Amino acid sequence: MDKKHLPYIRVGNSYYKMVEIPLTSGDTLDSIIRWNSEFIKQDHGKDILSSISKYDGFCIVPDHLNYKQATGNFYNRYLPFDHKPCPGEWPYINSFLKHIFQEQYELGLDYIKLLVEKPIQKLPVICLVSKERNTGKTTFLQFLKAIFGGNMTINTNEDFKSNFNSEWISKLLIGVDETFLDRKEDSERLKNLSTAKLYKAEAKGQDRIEVEFFGKFVLCSNNEDGFLIIEPGETRYWVIKVNPLNKETPHFLEKLKLEIPHFINTLTNRPLTTKNESRMWFNPKLLDTPALRKVMRRNRNKLELEILSILQFIVDEKGVSKVCFCPNDIQNWLGSKGFKAVENYNVRRIIQNDWKLEPAPNSYSYTRFNFCISGIIEEPAKGRYYILTDEQIENLND
């Protein structure tokens, strides 16, 4: 048997066999499993061991267009890219991606192009949400799986929550269908992973080891605002509300798969429409969708919501285009509404951290609004005040 076609390798002092695991879909999954040298000799004769390629260890070096099976004397566990770019049309993929990304279609093409050409680049966590059925969310996961093969895994919520992560920690893409990660610890873990360069891989019965992490997450959920805790000001998520498909196309996924070589050819020849403007590549303003704000609103604390309600009330009652205030003013407003003593630092955290406001420059004189029995009164005041326009207040309330 030709050495380069042997299904075995030796890494360190252990032997492994490359196998194709059959799937219910009819596809196969490439895998490397430990194999006993005695069985290799029984199957192929004792002389075969000297013909098996030998490596010092494993490495994971993602590359789709210039793939190398070995780097130095280390065997690359990242799997080869299955698709060879080929000129041609891709109408089904084009229509499908326009349905998924809608007015952000070009950003969606950039995202997939970056996956292909810059696999170690950190990218935002994509969240496809809709309480309606037949939207194509799961098909999008399957489409990405068809492109990236064994370098993508589709997990359950339990897989993500488990401490044992060796099955997915080295993947380029980690999809989670029917996502429901409502614990604070889950959201913190996802946030950390989305920007981590190194992470601890853990398998049952084995010691934890630190590995390079370059995975990107794609979440799908029927819960539009409670599938994950996303706090105001967070910039790592791209949440897209997906509408139902207009019609069902028989064997749609198979049609998408047939067009992948043509799609990859177009992507590799298409220039990016965005520049690297953040740690997740995209400028956060580009990913600020109504669906993202809906999730953030759900996770606001009651104090912030009450302050916004008071600010909106002042704008509506007084007909002003802006409200000037100091943290002490807010504390007084809350007190007049029956709130128990609110610490000044909690108010400042909302103003400065969540709303990203800076004190007005140069002047310390402003018009203060106070609540009394007869309504809202205005009076001159001095202090390091902040300004919110009526439009800003309305946007924060959205």
Protein backbone atom coordinates (compact mmCIF):
# COMPACT_ATOMS: atom_id res chain seq x y z
CA MET A 1 0.00 0.00 0.00
CA ASP A 2 1.34 3.42 -0.99
CA LYS A 3 2.54 5.30 2.11
CA LYS A 4 0.64 8.47 1.29
CA HIS A 5 -2.59 6.49 0.99
CA LEU A 6 -2.25 4.64 4.28
CA PRO A 7 -5.18 5.47 6.60
CA TYR A 8 -2.85 5.46 9.63
CA ILE A 9 -0.46 7.90 11.28
CA ARG A 10 1.72 7.74 14.36
CA VAL A 11 1.70 10.80 16.60
CA GLY A 12 4.20 10.63 19.43
CA ASN A 13 4.02 7.01 20.56
CA SER A 14 0.36 6.42 19.62
CA TYR A 15 -1.22 5.21 16.39
CA TYR A 16 -4.33 6.70 14.79
CA LYS A 17 -6.61 5.77 11.92
CA MET A 18 -8.42 8.19 9.62
CA VAL A 19 -12.03 7.07 9.26
CA GLU A 20 -15.24 8.33 7.69
CA ILE A 21 -18.18 8.08 10.07
CA PRO A 22 -21.50 7.61 8.22
CA LEU A 23 -24.30 10.06 9.05
CA THR A 24 -28.06 9.65 8.75
CA SER A 25 -28.04 12.32 6.03
CA GLY A 26 -25.97 10.03 3.81
CA ASP A 27 -22.84 12.16 4.28
CA THR A 28 -19.78 11.12 6.21
CA LEU A 29 -17.75 12.83 8.93
CA ASP A 30 -13.96 12.64 8.78
CA SER A 31 -12.45 11.66 12.10
CA ILE A 32 -9.17 10.48 13.60
CA ILE A 33 -9.41 7.72 16.19
CA ARG A 34 -6.77 5.95 18.25
CA TRP A 35 -5.83 2.53 16.83
CA ASN A 36 -3.86 -0.34 18.33
CA SER A 37 -0.62 -1.16 16.49
CA GLU A 38 -1.21 -4.90 16.95
CA PHE A 39 -4.41 -4.72 14.92
CA ILE A 40 -2.61 -2.78 12.19
CA LYS A 41 -0.04 -5.58 11.93
CA GLN A 42 -2.79 -8.22 11.92
CA ASP A 43 -4.61 -6.46 9.10
CA HIS A 44 -1.64 -5.45 6.94
CA GLY A 45 1.43 -7.38 8.11
CA LYS A 46 4.14 -6.48 10.58
CA ASP A 47 6.25 -4.55 8.07
CA ILE A 48 3.63 -1.87 7.55
CA LEU A 49 4.49 0.04 10.75
CA SER A 50 7.73 1.32 9.22
CA SER A 51 5.74 2.80 6.32
CA ILE A 52 3.37 4.83 8.48
CA SER A 53 3.97 8.61 8.59
CA LYS A 54 5.26 9.79 11.97
CA TYR A 55 4.70 13.11 13.72
CA ASP A 56 5.81 14.63 17.02
CA GLY A 57 2.36 15.86 17.91
CA PHE A 58 -0.90 17.45 16.77
CA CYS A 59 -1.48 21.07 15.79
CA ILE A 60 -4.51 22.98 14.53
CA VAL A 61 -3.75 25.43 11.73
CA PRO A 62 -6.91 26.58 9.92
CA ASP A 63 -6.52 27.35 6.23
CA HIS A 64 -8.99 26.83 3.40
CA LEU A 65 -7.21 28.08 0.30
CA ASN A 66 -3.59 27.03 1.01
CA TYR A 67 -4.09 24.02 3.23
CA LYS A 68 -1.13 22.01 4.59
CA GLN A 69 -1.62 18.61 6.23
CA ALA A 70 1.57 19.01 8.26
CA THR A 71 3.30 22.01 9.78
CA GLY A 72 6.88 21.14 10.58
CA ASN A 73 6.69 17.72 12.20
CA PHE A 74 3.17 18.24 13.56
CA TYR A 75 0.01 16.76 12.09
CA ASN A 76 -2.69 19.34 11.34
CA ARG A 77 -6.04 18.27 12.81
CA TYR A 78 -7.84 21.01 10.93
CA LEU A 79 -9.60 19.31 8.02
CA PRO A 80 -9.03 20.21 4.36
CA PHE A 81 -11.52 22.44 2.58
CA ASP A 82 -13.73 20.26 0.39
CA HIS A 83 -14.61 22.81 -2.29
CA LYS A 84 -12.60 23.91 -5.29
CA PRO A 85 -13.68 27.35 -6.58
CA CYS A 86 -15.34 27.11 -9.97
CA PRO A 87 -16.93 29.89 -12.09
CA GLY A 88 -20.69 29.69 -12.29
CA GLU A 89 -23.99 31.06 -11.08
CA TRP A 90 -25.44 30.57 -7.58
CA PRO A 91 -29.05 31.80 -7.70
CA TYR A 92 -30.35 29.63 -4.84
CA ILE A 93 -27.58 30.70 -2.45
CA ASN A 94 -28.00 34.32 -3.52
CA SER A 95 -31.74 34.27 -2.84
CA PHE A 96 -31.29 32.44 0.46
CA LEU A 97 -28.63 34.79 1.83
CA LYS A 98 -30.71 37.82 0.85
CA HIS A 99 -33.56 36.26 2.83
CA ILE A 100 -31.36 35.67 5.90
CA PHE A 101 -29.38 38.94 5.96
CA GLN A 102 -31.97 41.21 4.28
CA GLU A 103 -30.64 44.80 4.06
CA GLN A 104 -27.35 43.55 5.58
CA TYR A 105 -26.76 41.19 2.66
CA GLU A 106 -23.34 42.63 1.78
CA LEU A 107 -22.25 42.29 5.41
CA GLY A 108 -23.36 38.66 5.29
CA LEU A 109 -21.19 38.04 2.23
CA ASP A 110 -18.27 39.74 4.02
CA TYR A 111 -18.80 37.49 7.05
CA ILE A 112 -18.61 34.28 5.00
CA LYS A 113 -15.68 35.60 2.95
CA LEU A 114 -13.79 36.30 6.19
CA LEU A 115 -14.53 32.77 7.38
CA VAL A 116 -13.02 31.39 4.18
CA GLU A 117 -10.03 33.69 3.81
CA LYS A 118 -9.23 34.80 7.37
CA PRO A 119 -10.31 31.89 9.60
CA ILE A 120 -8.49 33.12 12.70
CA GLN A 121 -10.13 36.57 12.57
CA LYS A 122 -12.55 37.12 15.47
CA LEU A 123 -16.11 37.70 14.26
CA PRO A 124 -19.38 38.63 15.98
CA VAL A 125 -21.72 36.00 17.39
CA ILE A 126 -24.50 35.67 14.80
CA CYS A 127 -27.94 35.14 16.35
CA LEU A 128 -30.81 34.28 14.01
CA VAL A 129 -34.11 34.67 15.84
CA SER A 130 -37.79 34.32 15.02
CA LYS A 131 -40.80 32.97 16.89
CA GLU A 132 -42.26 31.98 13.53
CA ARG A 133 -41.56 28.68 11.81
CA ASN A 134 -40.12 27.90 8.38
CA THR A 135 -37.71 30.83 8.37
CA GLY A 136 -34.55 29.05 7.20
CA LYS A 137 -32.60 29.43 10.47
CA THR A 138 -31.69 25.75 10.74
CA THR A 139 -31.06 25.59 6.99
CA PHE A 140 -28.48 28.37 7.41
CA LEU A 141 -26.62 26.21 9.95
CA GLN A 142 -26.77 23.26 7.56
CA PHE A 143 -25.57 25.47 4.70
CA LEU A 144 -22.52 26.61 6.69
CA LYS A 145 -21.92 22.98 7.66
CA ALA A 146 -21.98 22.04 3.97
CA ILE A 147 -19.32 24.68 3.27
CA PHE A 148 -16.97 23.98 6.18
CA GLY A 149 -17.66 20.29 6.73
CA GLY A 150 -15.97 18.74 9.74
CA ASN A 151 -14.57 22.11 10.77
CA MET A 152 -18.05 23.06 11.94
CA THR A 153 -20.18 21.40 14.59
CA ILE A 154 -23.86 21.88 15.43
CA ASN A 155 -24.40 21.54 19.17
CA THR A 156 -27.22 21.50 21.67
CA ASN A 157 -27.55 23.86 24.62
CA GLU A 158 -26.33 21.04 26.88
CA ASP A 159 -23.17 20.59 24.78
CA PHE A 160 -22.32 24.25 25.23
CA LYS A 161 -23.07 24.25 28.96
CA SER A 162 -21.01 21.11 29.63
CA ASN A 163 -17.49 21.41 31.02
CA PHE A 164 -16.35 18.82 28.48
CA ASN A 165 -15.66 20.84 25.34
CA SER A 166 -13.04 18.81 23.46
CA GLU A 167 -15.55 17.92 20.71
CA TRP A 168 -16.03 21.54 19.62
CA ILE A 169 -13.24 23.65 21.08
CA SER A 170 -11.06 23.24 17.94
CA LYS A 171 -13.81 23.96 15.38
CA LEU A 172 -14.02 27.03 13.17
CA LEU A 173 -17.79 27.30 13.64
CA ILE A 174 -19.95 26.23 16.55
CA GLY A 175 -23.66 26.30 15.78
CA VAL A 176 -26.33 25.98 18.45
CA ASP A 177 -29.87 25.30 17.25
CA GLU A 178 -32.90 26.18 19.38
CA THR A 179 -30.63 28.23 21.62
CA PHE A 180 -31.76 28.96 25.16
CA LEU A 181 -28.85 30.11 27.32
CA ASP A 182 -30.61 32.22 29.91
CA ARG A 183 -28.10 31.86 32.74
CA LYS A 184 -25.70 34.72 33.43
CA GLU A 185 -22.81 32.24 33.50
CA ASP A 186 -23.72 31.02 29.99
CA SER A 187 -23.68 34.53 28.54
CA GLU A 188 -20.38 35.32 30.28
CA ARG A 189 -18.83 32.15 28.89
CA LEU A 190 -20.01 32.98 25.38
CA LYS A 191 -18.68 36.54 25.67
CA ASN A 192 -15.29 35.28 26.81
CA LEU A 193 -15.08 32.64 24.09
CA SER A 194 -16.03 35.07 21.32
CA THR A 195 -12.86 37.09 21.91
CA ALA A 196 -10.54 34.49 23.50
CA LYS A 197 -7.27 33.55 21.82
CA LEU A 198 -6.57 30.67 24.20
CA TYR A 199 -8.98 28.41 26.05
CA LYS A 200 -8.87 25.30 28.22
CA ALA A 201 -9.86 22.13 26.35
CA GLU A 202 -11.30 19.42 28.59
CA ALA A 203 -12.24 15.81 27.80
CA LYS A 204 -13.57 13.11 30.09
CA GLY A 205 -10.79 11.37 31.98
CA GLN A 206 -8.09 13.73 30.68
CA ASP A 207 -6.29 16.75 32.07
CA ARG A 208 -7.31 20.18 30.86
CA ILE A 209 -4.93 21.64 28.29
CA GLU A 210 -4.66 25.15 26.92
CA VAL A 211 -5.28 25.40 23.17
CA GLU A 212 -5.60 28.17 20.62
CA PHE A 213 -9.23 29.11 20.08
CA PHE A 214 -10.51 30.65 16.86
CA GLY A 215 -14.14 29.45 16.92
CA LYS A 216 -17.11 31.57 15.88
CA PHE A 217 -20.64 31.03 17.15
CA VAL A 218 -23.88 30.94 15.17
CA LEU A 219 -26.99 30.72 17.35
CA CYS A 220 -30.57 30.08 16.22
CA SER A 221 -33.60 30.51 18.45
CA ASN A 222 -37.39 30.67 18.38
CA ASN A 223 -37.21 33.00 21.41
CA GLU A 224 -36.67 36.51 20.07
CA ASP A 225 -35.63 38.32 23.23
CA GLY A 226 -34.95 35.81 26.02
CA PHE A 227 -32.64 33.25 24.41
CA LEU A 228 -29.51 34.92 25.82
CA ILE A 229 -28.55 37.68 28.23
CA ILE A 230 -27.13 40.57 26.17
CA GLU A 231 -26.49 43.66 28.24
CA PRO A 232 -26.80 47.23 26.91
CA GLY A 233 -23.61 48.44 25.25
CA GLU A 234 -22.49 44.94 24.26
CA THR A 235 -20.83 44.86 20.81
CA ARG A 236 -20.08 41.18 20.25
CA TYR A 237 -23.47 40.13 18.88
CA TRP A 238 -25.18 40.38 15.51
CA VAL A 239 -28.87 39.62 16.09
CA ILE A 240 -31.07 39.21 13.01
CA LYS A 241 -34.85 38.77 13.01
CA VAL A 242 -35.57 36.30 10.19
CA ASN A 243 -38.93 36.29 8.41
CA PRO A 244 -40.74 33.17 7.14
CA LEU A 245 -39.80 31.93 3.68
CA ASN A 246 -42.31 32.81 0.97
CA LYS A 247 -42.44 29.26 -0.32
CA GLU A 248 -40.85 25.87 0.23
CA THR A 249 -38.43 24.57 -2.40
CA PRO A 250 -38.09 20.77 -2.62
CA HIS A 251 -34.55 19.52 -1.89
CA PHE A 252 -33.50 23.10 -1.19
CA LEU A 253 -30.36 22.23 0.82
CA GLU A 254 -29.14 19.95 -1.98
CA LYS A 255 -29.58 22.80 -4.45
CA LEU A 256 -27.54 25.06 -2.17
CA LYS A 257 -24.77 22.46 -1.89
CA LEU A 258 -24.44 22.15 -5.67
CA GLU A 259 -23.76 25.89 -5.96
CA ILE A 260 -21.07 26.10 -3.24
CA PRO A 261 -18.02 25.88 -5.62
CA HIS A 262 -19.47 28.76 -7.69
CA PHE A 263 -20.26 30.74 -4.54
CA ILE A 264 -16.73 30.29 -3.16
CA ASN A 265 -15.27 31.37 -6.50
CA THR A 266 -17.30 34.59 -6.39
CA LEU A 267 -16.41 35.25 -2.74
CA THR A 268 -12.67 34.86 -3.27
CA ASN A 269 -12.78 37.29 -6.20
CA ARG A 270 -15.14 39.75 -4.51
CA PRO A 271 -13.51 42.61 -2.52
CA LEU A 272 -14.64 43.15 1.06
CA THR A 273 -17.11 45.99 1.54
CA THR A 274 -15.98 46.57 5.15
CA LYS A 275 -12.70 47.32 6.90
CA ASN A 276 -11.31 45.93 10.12
CA GLU A 277 -12.72 48.48 12.58
CA SER A 278 -13.04 46.46 15.80
CA ARG A 279 -11.82 43.30 17.48
CA MET A 280 -14.79 41.55 15.79
CA TRP A 281 -13.85 43.14 12.42
CA PHE A 282 -17.14 45.00 11.83
CA ASN A 283 -17.88 48.48 13.13
CA PRO A 284 -20.42 47.86 15.93
CA LYS A 285 -22.73 50.50 14.43
CA LEU A 286 -23.23 48.24 11.40
CA LEU A 287 -24.57 45.44 13.62
CA ASP A 288 -26.92 47.59 15.72
CA THR A 289 -30.21 46.00 14.66
CA PRO A 290 -33.74 46.36 16.10
CA ALA A 291 -33.54 42.67 17.04
CA LEU A 292 -30.37 43.31 19.08
CA ARG A 293 -31.96 46.27 20.88
CA LYS A 294 -35.01 44.15 21.67
CA VAL A 295 -32.83 41.60 23.49
CA MET A 296 -30.94 44.35 25.30
CA ARG A 297 -34.17 45.99 26.47
CA ARG A 298 -35.27 42.77 28.12
CA ASN A 299 -32.04 42.67 30.10
CA ARG A 300 -32.05 46.24 31.34
CA ASN A 301 -32.37 46.63 35.06
CA LYS A 302 -35.46 48.21 36.60
CA LEU A 303 -33.56 51.29 37.72
CA GLU A 304 -32.54 52.23 34.16
CA LEU A 305 -36.06 51.67 32.86
CA GLU A 306 -37.52 53.90 35.59
CA ILE A 307 -35.03 56.70 34.83
CA LEU A 308 -35.88 56.54 31.13
CA SER A 309 -39.59 56.65 31.98
CA ILE A 310 -39.05 59.83 34.01
CA LEU A 311 -36.98 61.48 31.26
CA GLN A 312 -39.65 60.68 28.67
CA PHE A 313 -42.31 62.10 31.00
CA ILE A 314 -40.38 65.37 31.34
CA VAL A 315 -40.01 65.68 27.54
CA ASP A 316 -43.70 64.99 26.97
CA GLU A 317 -44.99 67.25 29.76
CA LYS A 318 -42.71 70.24 29.19
CA GLY A 319 -42.38 69.93 25.39
CA VAL A 320 -38.59 70.37 25.53
CA SER A 321 -36.07 69.14 22.99
CA LYS A 322 -33.45 68.22 25.61
CA VAL A 323 -33.09 67.48 29.32
CA CYS A 324 -30.06 68.56 31.35
CA PHE A 325 -29.43 66.75 34.63
CA CYS A 326 -26.88 65.78 37.25
CA PRO A 327 -26.82 62.39 39.01
CA ASN A 328 -28.25 64.06 42.14
CA ASP A 329 -31.24 65.26 40.11
CA ILE A 330 -31.99 61.70 39.07
CA GLN A 331 -31.75 60.55 42.67
CA ASN A 332 -34.31 63.22 43.63
CA TRP A 333 -36.63 62.21 40.76
CA LEU A 334 -36.51 58.59 41.86
CA GLY A 335 -37.19 59.59 45.46
CA SER A 336 -40.27 61.55 44.40
CA LYS A 337 -41.52 58.42 42.62
CA GLY A 338 -41.25 56.34 45.77
CA PHE A 339 -37.94 54.59 45.02
CA LYS A 340 -35.92 53.79 48.10
CA ALA A 341 -32.49 55.38 48.45
CA VAL A 342 -30.51 54.81 45.24
CA GLU A 343 -26.73 54.95 45.45
CA ASN A 344 -25.05 57.67 43.39
CA TYR A 345 -22.60 55.21 41.82
CA ASN A 346 -25.48 53.13 40.40
CA VAL A 347 -26.87 56.22 38.68
CA ARG A 348 -23.43 57.18 37.35
CA ARG A 349 -22.87 53.64 36.03
CA ILE A 350 -26.01 53.92 33.89
CA ILE A 351 -25.15 57.42 32.66
CA GLN A 352 -21.50 56.79 31.89
CA ASN A 353 -21.19 53.05 31.18
CA ASP A 354 -24.54 52.15 29.64
CA TRP A 355 -25.47 55.42 27.92
CA LYS A 356 -21.85 56.48 27.23
CA LEU A 357 -22.55 60.14 28.15
CA GLU A 358 -19.91 62.76 28.94
CA PRO A 359 -20.53 65.90 31.05
CA ALA A 360 -21.26 69.03 29.03
CA PRO A 361 -18.04 71.06 28.48
CA ASN A 362 -17.24 74.58 29.72
CA SER A 363 -20.53 75.61 31.33
CA TYR A 364 -21.88 74.55 34.75
CA SER A 365 -25.20 76.41 34.56
CA TYR A 366 -28.29 74.54 33.40
CA THR A 367 -32.05 74.32 33.86
CA ARG A 368 -33.05 71.74 36.46
CA PHE A 369 -36.41 69.95 36.44
CA ASN A 370 -37.97 69.12 39.79
CA PHE A 371 -41.16 67.28 40.69
CA CYS A 372 -43.59 68.87 43.13
CA ILE A 373 -47.29 68.63 44.02
CA SER A 374 -48.28 71.05 41.26
CA GLY A 375 -46.23 69.21 38.59
CA ILE A 376 -42.80 69.77 37.10
CA ILE A 377 -41.01 73.03 37.84
CA GLU A 378 -37.91 74.49 36.22
CA GLU A 379 -35.18 76.30 38.13
CA PRO A 380 -31.62 77.47 37.46
CA ALA A 381 -28.87 75.22 38.80
CA LYS A 382 -25.13 74.64 38.59
CA GLY A 383 -23.16 71.43 38.37
CA ARG A 384 -21.38 68.94 36.09
CA TYR A 385 -24.49 68.14 34.09
CA TYR A 386 -25.27 65.71 31.27
CA ILE A 387 -27.53 66.26 28.25
CA LEU A 388 -29.98 63.92 26.54
CA THR A 389 -32.01 65.11 23.55
CA ASP A 390 -35.61 64.04 23.05
CA GLU A 391 -34.44 61.87 20.13
CA GLN A 392 -31.79 60.15 22.28
CA ILE A 393 -34.34 59.47 25.01
CA GLU A 394 -36.73 58.00 22.46
CA ASN A 395 -33.97 55.77 21.03
CA LEU A 396 -32.98 54.56 24.50
CA ASN A 397 -36.63 53.70 25.16
CA ASP A 398 -36.87 51.70 21.91
